[in-house]
Amino acid sequence: MIAYYFIYTKKLMKKLHIIAILVSIFFLQACVHKLVTVPVKVAYKTTKGVVKGTVAVGKAIIPGDSDDKKED
């Protein structure tokens, strides 16, 4: 009877370990998502601002490249 109890307890503990791992993975999924997406959003916004600034400076420096053409 005691041997059966220990065998049953070992099986139960294995199942509980698996359930605990699965629950941990589920809860940590949101943290991993946040760790990945936040830096990507920051990098995107920074790069977008730099590119817009570079285009504006390029348009200001290049002579004769305006939309107002008065040679008609």
PDB file of N, CA and C in Angstrom:
ATOM      1  N   MET A   1       0.818  -1.195   0.000  1.00  0.00           N
ATOM      2  CA  MET A   1       0.000   0.000   0.000  1.00  0.00           C
ATOM      3  C   MET A   1       0.860   1.256   0.000  1.00  0.00           C
ATOM      4  N   ILE A   2       1.920   1.259   0.788  1.00  0.00           N
ATOM      5  CA  ILE A   2       2.801   2.427   0.846  1.00  0.00           C
ATOM      6  C   ILE A   2       3.547   2.597  -0.471  1.00  0.00           C
ATOM      7  N   ALA A   3       3.960   1.488  -1.084  1.00  0.00           N
ATOM      8  CA  ALA A   3       4.672   1.554  -2.362  1.00  0.00           C
ATOM      9  C   ALA A   3       3.770   2.166  -3.437  1.00  0.00           C
ATOM     10  N   TYR A   4       2.497   1.799  -3.443  1.00  0.00           N
ATOM     11  CA  TYR A   4       1.557   2.350  -4.407  1.00  0.00           C
ATOM     12  C   TYR A   4       1.410   3.856  -4.207  1.00  0.00           C
ATOM     13  N   TYR A   5       1.408   4.296  -2.974  1.00  0.00           N
ATOM     14  CA  TYR A   5       1.299   5.726  -2.666  1.00  0.00           C
ATOM     15  C   TYR A   5       2.474   6.502  -3.237  1.00  0.00           C
ATOM     16  N   PHE A   6       3.691   5.965  -3.082  1.00  0.00           N
ATOM     17  CA  PHE A   6       4.879   6.653  -3.597  1.00  0.00           C
ATOM     18  C   PHE A   6       4.906   6.675  -5.122  1.00  0.00           C
ATOM     19  N   ILE A   7       4.462   5.616  -5.756  1.00  0.00           N
ATOM     20  CA  ILE A   7       4.415   5.576  -7.225  1.00  0.00           C
ATOM     21  C   ILE A   7       3.399   6.615  -7.729  1.00  0.00           C
ATOM     22  N   TYR A   8       2.245   6.658  -7.072  1.00  0.00           N
ATOM     23  CA  TYR A   8       1.212   7.623  -7.448  1.00  0.00           C
ATOM     24  C   TYR A   8       1.703   9.057  -7.235  1.00  0.00           C
ATOM     25  N   THR A   9       2.435   9.291  -6.142  1.00  0.00           N
ATOM     26  CA  THR A   9       2.962  10.620  -5.841  1.00  0.00           C
ATOM     27  C   THR A   9       3.982  11.045  -6.885  1.00  0.00           C
ATOM     28  N   LYS A  10       4.845  10.127  -7.323  1.00  0.00           N
ATOM     29  CA  LYS A  10       5.846  10.461  -8.347  1.00  0.00           C
ATOM     30  C   LYS A  10       5.170  10.833  -9.664  1.00  0.00           C
ATOM     31  N   LYS A  11       4.153  10.081 -10.047  1.00  0.00           N
ATOM     32  CA  LYS A  11       3.439  10.388 -11.289  1.00  0.00           C
ATOM     33  C   LYS A  11       2.754  11.750 -11.197  1.00  0.00           C
ATOM     34  N   LEU A  12       2.161  11.999 -10.034  1.00  0.00           N
ATOM     35  CA  LEU A  12       1.485  13.272  -9.825  1.00  0.00           C
ATOM     36  C   LEU A  12       2.477  14.432  -9.870  1.00  0.00           C
ATOM     37  N   MET A  13       3.638  14.262  -9.271  1.00  0.00           N
ATOM     38  CA  MET A  13       4.656  15.309  -9.260  1.00  0.00           C
ATOM     39  C   MET A  13       5.164  15.594 -10.670  1.00  0.00           C
ATOM     40  N   LYS A  14       5.328  14.548 -11.479  1.00  0.00           N
ATOM     41  CA  LYS A  14       5.764  14.757 -12.866  1.00  0.00           C
ATOM     42  C   LYS A  14       4.723  15.579 -13.633  1.00  0.00           C
ATOM     43  N   LYS A  15       3.459  15.251 -13.412  1.00  0.00           N
ATOM     44  CA  LYS A  15       2.403  16.001 -14.092  1.00  0.00           C
ATOM     45  C   LYS A  15       2.370  17.449 -13.608  1.00  0.00           C
ATOM     46  N   LEU A  16       2.573  17.639 -12.308  1.00  0.00           N
ATOM     47  CA  LEU A  16       2.567  18.999 -11.772  1.00  0.00           C
ATOM     48  C   LEU A  16       3.745  19.813 -12.300  1.00  0.00           C
ATOM     49  N   HIS A  17       4.891  19.169 -12.482  1.00  0.00           N
ATOM     50  CA  HIS A  17       6.049  19.873 -13.051  1.00  0.00           C
ATOM     51  C   HIS A  17       5.754  20.325 -14.475  1.00  0.00           C
ATOM     52  N   ILE A  18       5.161  19.460 -15.244  1.00  0.00           N
ATOM     53  CA  ILE A  18       4.839  19.800 -16.641  1.00  0.00           C
ATOM     54  C   ILE A  18       3.814  20.934 -16.683  1.00  0.00           C
ATOM     55  N   ILE A  19       2.804  20.853 -15.832  1.00  0.00           N
ATOM     56  CA  ILE A  19       1.783  21.913 -15.789  1.00  0.00           C
ATOM     57  C   ILE A  19       2.410  23.238 -15.358  1.00  0.00           C
ATOM     58  N   ALA A  20       3.298  23.202 -14.380  1.00  0.00           N
ATOM     59  CA  ALA A  20       3.951  24.425 -13.912  1.00  0.00           C
ATOM     60  C   ALA A  20       4.797  25.050 -15.014  1.00  0.00           C
ATOM     61  N   ILE A  21       5.494  24.233 -15.776  1.00  0.00           N
ATOM     62  CA  ILE A  21       6.323  24.744 -16.881  1.00  0.00           C
ATOM     63  C   ILE A  21       5.427  25.381 -17.949  1.00  0.00           C
ATOM     64  N   LEU A  22       4.341  24.719 -18.294  1.00  0.00           N
ATOM     65  CA  LEU A  22       3.442  25.269 -19.318  1.00  0.00           C
ATOM     66  C   LEU A  22       2.804  26.585 -18.871  1.00  0.00           C
ATOM     67  N   VAL A  23       2.411  26.648 -17.618  1.00  0.00           N
ATOM     68  CA  VAL A  23       1.815  27.888 -17.102  1.00  0.00           C
ATOM     69  C   VAL A  23       2.856  29.006 -17.091  1.00  0.00           C
ATOM     70  N   SER A  24       4.083  28.688 -16.715  1.00  0.00           N
ATOM     71  CA  SER A  24       5.152  29.697 -16.703  1.00  0.00           C
ATOM     72  C   SER A  24       5.420  30.224 -18.108  1.00  0.00           C
ATOM     73  N   ILE A  25       5.451  29.334 -19.068  1.00  0.00           N
ATOM     74  CA  ILE A  25       5.670  29.754 -20.461  1.00  0.00           C
ATOM     75  C   ILE A  25       4.547  30.684 -20.906  1.00  0.00           C
ATOM     76  N   PHE A  26       3.321  30.353 -20.549  1.00  0.00           N
ATOM     77  CA  PHE A  26       2.183  31.177 -20.949  1.00  0.00           C
ATOM     78  C   PHE A  26       2.273  32.575 -20.352  1.00  0.00           C
ATOM     79  N   PHE A  27       2.630  32.668 -19.061  1.00  0.00           N
ATOM     80  CA  PHE A  27       2.715  33.975 -18.416  1.00  0.00           C
ATOM     81  C   PHE A  27       3.910  34.785 -18.892  1.00  0.00           C
ATOM     82  N   LEU A  28       5.011  34.122 -19.203  1.00  0.00           N
ATOM     83  CA  LEU A  28       6.208  34.839 -19.646  1.00  0.00           C
ATOM     84  C   LEU A  28       6.127  35.279 -21.104  1.00  0.00           C
ATOM     85  N   GLN A  29       5.165  34.762 -21.824  1.00  0.00           N
ATOM     86  CA  GLN A  29       5.026  35.117 -23.236  1.00  0.00           C
ATOM     87  C   GLN A  29       4.787  36.618 -23.398  1.00  0.00           C
ATOM     88  N   ALA A  30       3.995  37.212 -22.532  1.00  0.00           N
ATOM     89  CA  ALA A  30       3.718  38.647 -22.615  1.00  0.00           C
ATOM     90  C   ALA A  30       4.976  39.455 -22.345  1.00  0.00           C
ATOM     91  N   CYS A  31       5.812  39.006 -21.417  1.00  0.00           N
ATOM     92  CA  CYS A  31       7.057  39.719 -21.114  1.00  0.00           C
ATOM     93  C   CYS A  31       7.999  39.684 -22.308  1.00  0.00           C
ATOM     94  N   VAL A  32       8.124  38.516 -22.923  1.00  0.00           N
ATOM     95  CA  VAL A  32       9.011  38.387 -24.080  1.00  0.00           C
ATOM     96  C   VAL A  32       8.503  39.255 -25.220  1.00  0.00           C
ATOM     97  N   HIS A  33       7.194  39.285 -25.427  1.00  0.00           N
ATOM     98  CA  HIS A  33       6.617  40.123 -26.483  1.00  0.00           C
ATOM     99  C   HIS A  33       6.966  41.585 -26.245  1.00  0.00           C
ATOM    100  N   LYS A  34       6.870  42.028 -25.011  1.00  0.00           N
ATOM    101  CA  LYS A  34       7.170  43.421 -24.691  1.00  0.00           C
ATOM    102  C   LYS A  34       8.658  43.708 -24.864  1.00  0.00           C
ATOM    103  N   LEU A  35       9.512  42.774 -24.469  1.00  0.00           N
ATOM    104  CA  LEU A  35      10.960  42.965 -24.617  1.00  0.00           C
ATOM    105  C   LEU A  35      11.364  43.072 -26.082  1.00  0.00           C
ATOM    106  N   VAL A  36      10.643  42.417 -26.951  1.00  0.00           N
ATOM    107  CA  VAL A  36      10.992  42.440 -28.372  1.00  0.00           C
ATOM    108  C   VAL A  36      10.400  43.655 -29.069  1.00  0.00           C
ATOM    109  N   THR A  37       9.149  43.978 -28.804  1.00  0.00           N
ATOM    110  CA  THR A  37       8.483  45.021 -29.585  1.00  0.00           C
ATOM    111  C   THR A  37       8.859  46.439 -29.174  1.00  0.00           C
ATOM    112  N   VAL A  38       9.130  46.684 -27.904  1.00  0.00           N
ATOM    113  CA  VAL A  38       9.436  48.052 -27.473  1.00  0.00           C
ATOM    114  C   VAL A  38      10.715  48.580 -28.120  1.00  0.00           C
ATOM    115  N   PRO A  39      11.842  47.857 -28.094  1.00  0.00           N
ATOM    116  CA  PRO A  39      13.040  48.377 -28.770  1.00  0.00           C
ATOM    117  C   PRO A  39      12.858  48.538 -30.283  1.00  0.00           C
ATOM    118  N   VAL A  40      12.081  47.660 -30.893  1.00  0.00           N
ATOM    119  CA  VAL A  40      11.854  47.773 -32.340  1.00  0.00           C
ATOM    120  C   VAL A  40      11.067  49.041 -32.644  1.00  0.00           C
ATOM    121  N   LYS A  41      10.068  49.350 -31.837  1.00  0.00           N
ATOM    122  CA  LYS A  41       9.287  50.580 -32.048  1.00  0.00           C
ATOM    123  C   LYS A  41      10.152  51.814 -31.867  1.00  0.00           C
ATOM    124  N   VAL A  42      11.009  51.813 -30.856  1.00  0.00           N
ATOM    125  CA  VAL A  42      11.882  52.963 -30.616  1.00  0.00           C
ATOM    126  C   VAL A  42      12.850  53.140 -31.783  1.00  0.00           C
ATOM    127  N   ALA A  43      13.429  52.044 -32.248  1.00  0.00           N
ATOM    128  CA  ALA A  43      14.364  52.122 -33.375  1.00  0.00           C
ATOM    129  C   ALA A  43      13.664  52.612 -34.631  1.00  0.00           C
ATOM    130  N   TYR A  44      12.444  52.153 -34.868  1.00  0.00           N
ATOM    131  CA  TYR A  44      11.697  52.584 -36.050  1.00  0.00           C
ATOM    132  C   TYR A  44      11.418  54.083 -36.017  1.00  0.00           C
ATOM    133  N   LYS A  45      10.958  54.570 -34.867  1.00  0.00           N
ATOM    134  CA  LYS A  45      10.638  55.996 -34.762  1.00  0.00           C
ATOM    135  C   LYS A  45      11.895  56.851 -34.903  1.00  0.00           C
ATOM    136  N   THR A  46      13.003  56.405 -34.315  1.00  0.00           N
ATOM    137  CA  THR A  46      14.253  57.162 -34.424  1.00  0.00           C
ATOM    138  C   THR A  46      14.738  57.198 -35.864  1.00  0.00           C
ATOM    139  N   THR A  47      14.722  56.057 -36.524  1.00  0.00           N
ATOM    140  CA  THR A  47      15.183  55.996 -37.919  1.00  0.00           C
ATOM    141  C   THR A  47      14.290  56.829 -38.820  1.00  0.00           C
ATOM    142  N   LYS A  48      12.991  56.779 -38.577  1.00  0.00           N
ATOM    143  CA  LYS A  48      12.061  57.566 -39.386  1.00  0.00           C
ATOM    144  C   LYS A  48      12.357  59.057 -39.252  1.00  0.00           C
ATOM    145  N   GLY A  49      12.640  59.513 -38.049  1.00  0.00           N
ATOM    146  CA  GLY A  49      12.966  60.923 -37.836  1.00  0.00           C
ATOM    147  C   GLY A  49      14.265  61.320 -38.508  1.00  0.00           C
ATOM    148  N   VAL A  50      15.274  60.451 -38.440  1.00  0.00           N
ATOM    149  CA  VAL A  50      16.560  60.751 -39.079  1.00  0.00           C
ATOM    150  C   VAL A  50      16.406  60.819 -40.587  1.00  0.00           C
ATOM    151  N   VAL A  51      15.658  59.897 -41.155  1.00  0.00           N
ATOM    152  CA  VAL A  51      15.465  59.900 -42.613  1.00  0.00           C
ATOM    153  C   VAL A  51      14.704  61.139 -43.056  1.00  0.00           C
ATOM    154  N   LYS A  52      13.678  61.533 -42.326  1.00  0.00           N
ATOM    155  CA  LYS A  52      12.931  62.744 -42.688  1.00  0.00           C
ATOM    156  C   LYS A  52      13.830  63.978 -42.619  1.00  0.00           C
ATOM    157  N   GLY A  53      14.669  64.048 -41.594  1.00  0.00           N
ATOM    158  CA  GLY A  53      15.595  65.173 -41.475  1.00  0.00           C
ATOM    159  C   GLY A  53      16.608  65.198 -42.593  1.00  0.00           C
ATOM    160  N   THR A  54      17.113  64.034 -42.972  1.00  0.00           N
ATOM    161  CA  THR A  54      18.090  63.956 -44.065  1.00  0.00           C
ATOM    162  C   THR A  54      17.459  64.385 -45.386  1.00  0.00           C
ATOM    163  N   VAL A  55      16.248  63.968 -45.631  1.00  0.00           N
ATOM    164  CA  VAL A  55      15.552  64.355 -46.875  1.00  0.00           C
ATOM    165  C   VAL A  55      15.321  65.855 -46.893  1.00  0.00           C
ATOM    166  N   ALA A  56      14.924  66.432 -45.769  1.00  0.00           N
ATOM    167  CA  ALA A  56      14.678  67.871 -45.716  1.00  0.00           C
ATOM    168  C   ALA A  56      15.967  68.654 -45.952  1.00  0.00           C
ATOM    169  N   VAL A  57      17.071  68.205 -45.364  1.00  0.00           N
ATOM    170  CA  VAL A  57      18.349  68.881 -45.579  1.00  0.00           C
ATOM    171  C   VAL A  57      18.794  68.729 -47.023  1.00  0.00           C
ATOM    172  N   GLY A  58      18.605  67.545 -47.584  1.00  0.00           N
ATOM    173  CA  GLY A  58      18.975  67.323 -48.986  1.00  0.00           C
ATOM    174  C   GLY A  58      18.190  68.211 -49.926  1.00  0.00           C
ATOM    175  N   LYS A  59      16.922  68.388 -49.680  1.00  0.00           N
ATOM    176  CA  LYS A  59      16.110  69.265 -50.528  1.00  0.00           C
ATOM    177  C   LYS A  59      16.511  70.723 -50.372  1.00  0.00           C
ATOM    178  N   ALA A  60      16.948  71.105 -49.179  1.00  0.00           N
ATOM    179  CA  ALA A  60      17.343  72.498 -48.953  1.00  0.00           C
ATOM    180  C   ALA A  60      18.697  72.795 -49.583  1.00  0.00           C
ATOM    181  N   ILE A  61      19.571  71.827 -49.643  1.00  0.00           N
ATOM    182  CA  ILE A  61      20.937  72.064 -50.151  1.00  0.00           C
ATOM    183  C   ILE A  61      21.004  72.037 -51.666  1.00  0.00           C
ATOM    184  N   ILE A  62      20.273  71.135 -52.306  1.00  0.00           N
ATOM    185  CA  ILE A  62      20.381  70.979 -53.762  1.00  0.00           C
ATOM    186  C   ILE A  62      19.756  72.201 -54.446  1.00  0.00           C
ATOM    187  N   PRO A  63      20.543  72.971 -55.186  1.00  0.00           N
ATOM    188  CA  PRO A  63      20.009  74.162 -55.847  1.00  0.00           C
ATOM    189  C   PRO A  63      19.206  73.796 -57.100  1.00  0.00           C
ATOM    190  N   GLY A  64      18.223  74.594 -57.393  1.00  0.00           N
ATOM    191  CA  GLY A  64      17.442  74.413 -58.614  1.00  0.00           C
ATOM    192  C   GLY A  64      16.496  73.238 -58.554  1.00  0.00           C
ATOM    193  N   ASP A  65      16.297  72.674 -57.419  1.00  0.00           N
ATOM    194  CA  ASP A  65      15.415  71.518 -57.307  1.00  0.00           C
ATOM    195  C   ASP A  65      14.152  71.907 -56.554  1.00  0.00           C
ATOM    196  N   SER A  66      13.507  72.944 -57.020  1.00  0.00           N
ATOM    197  CA  SER A  66      12.282  73.367 -56.353  1.00  0.00           C
ATOM    198  C   SER A  66      11.085  73.042 -57.230  1.00  0.00           C
ATOM    199  N   ASP A  67       9.946  73.050 -56.633  1.00  0.00           N
ATOM    200  CA  ASP A  67       8.732  72.776 -57.382  1.00  0.00           C
ATOM    201  C   ASP A  67       8.225  74.012 -58.115  1.00  0.00           C
ATOM    202  N   ASP A  68       8.733  75.160 -57.742  1.00  0.00           N
ATOM    203  CA  ASP A  68       8.298  76.410 -58.377  1.00  0.00           C
ATOM    204  C   ASP A  68       9.189  76.690 -59.601  1.00  0.00           C
ATOM    205  N   LYS A  69       8.746  76.241 -60.763  1.00  0.00           N
ATOM    206  CA  LYS A  69       9.520  76.470 -61.989  1.00  0.00           C
ATOM    207  C   LYS A  69       8.901  77.677 -62.719  1.00  0.00           C
ATOM    208  N   LYS A  70       9.714  78.707 -62.903  1.00  0.00           N
ATOM    209  CA  LYS A  70       9.232  79.952 -63.495  1.00  0.00           C
ATOM    210  C   LYS A  70       9.709  80.109 -64.939  1.00  0.00           C
ATOM    211  N   GLU A  71      10.164  79.068 -65.574  1.00  0.00           N
ATOM    212  CA  GLU A  71      10.724  79.173 -66.937  1.00  0.00           C
ATOM    213  C   GLU A  71       9.692  78.821 -67.998  1.00  0.00           C
ATOM    214  N   ASP A  72       8.500  79.182 -67.887  1.00  0.00           N
ATOM    215  CA  ASP A  72       7.490  78.879 -68.908  1.00  0.00           C
ATOM    216  C   ASP A  72       7.457  79.894 -69.940  1.00  0.00           C
TER     217      ASP A  72
END
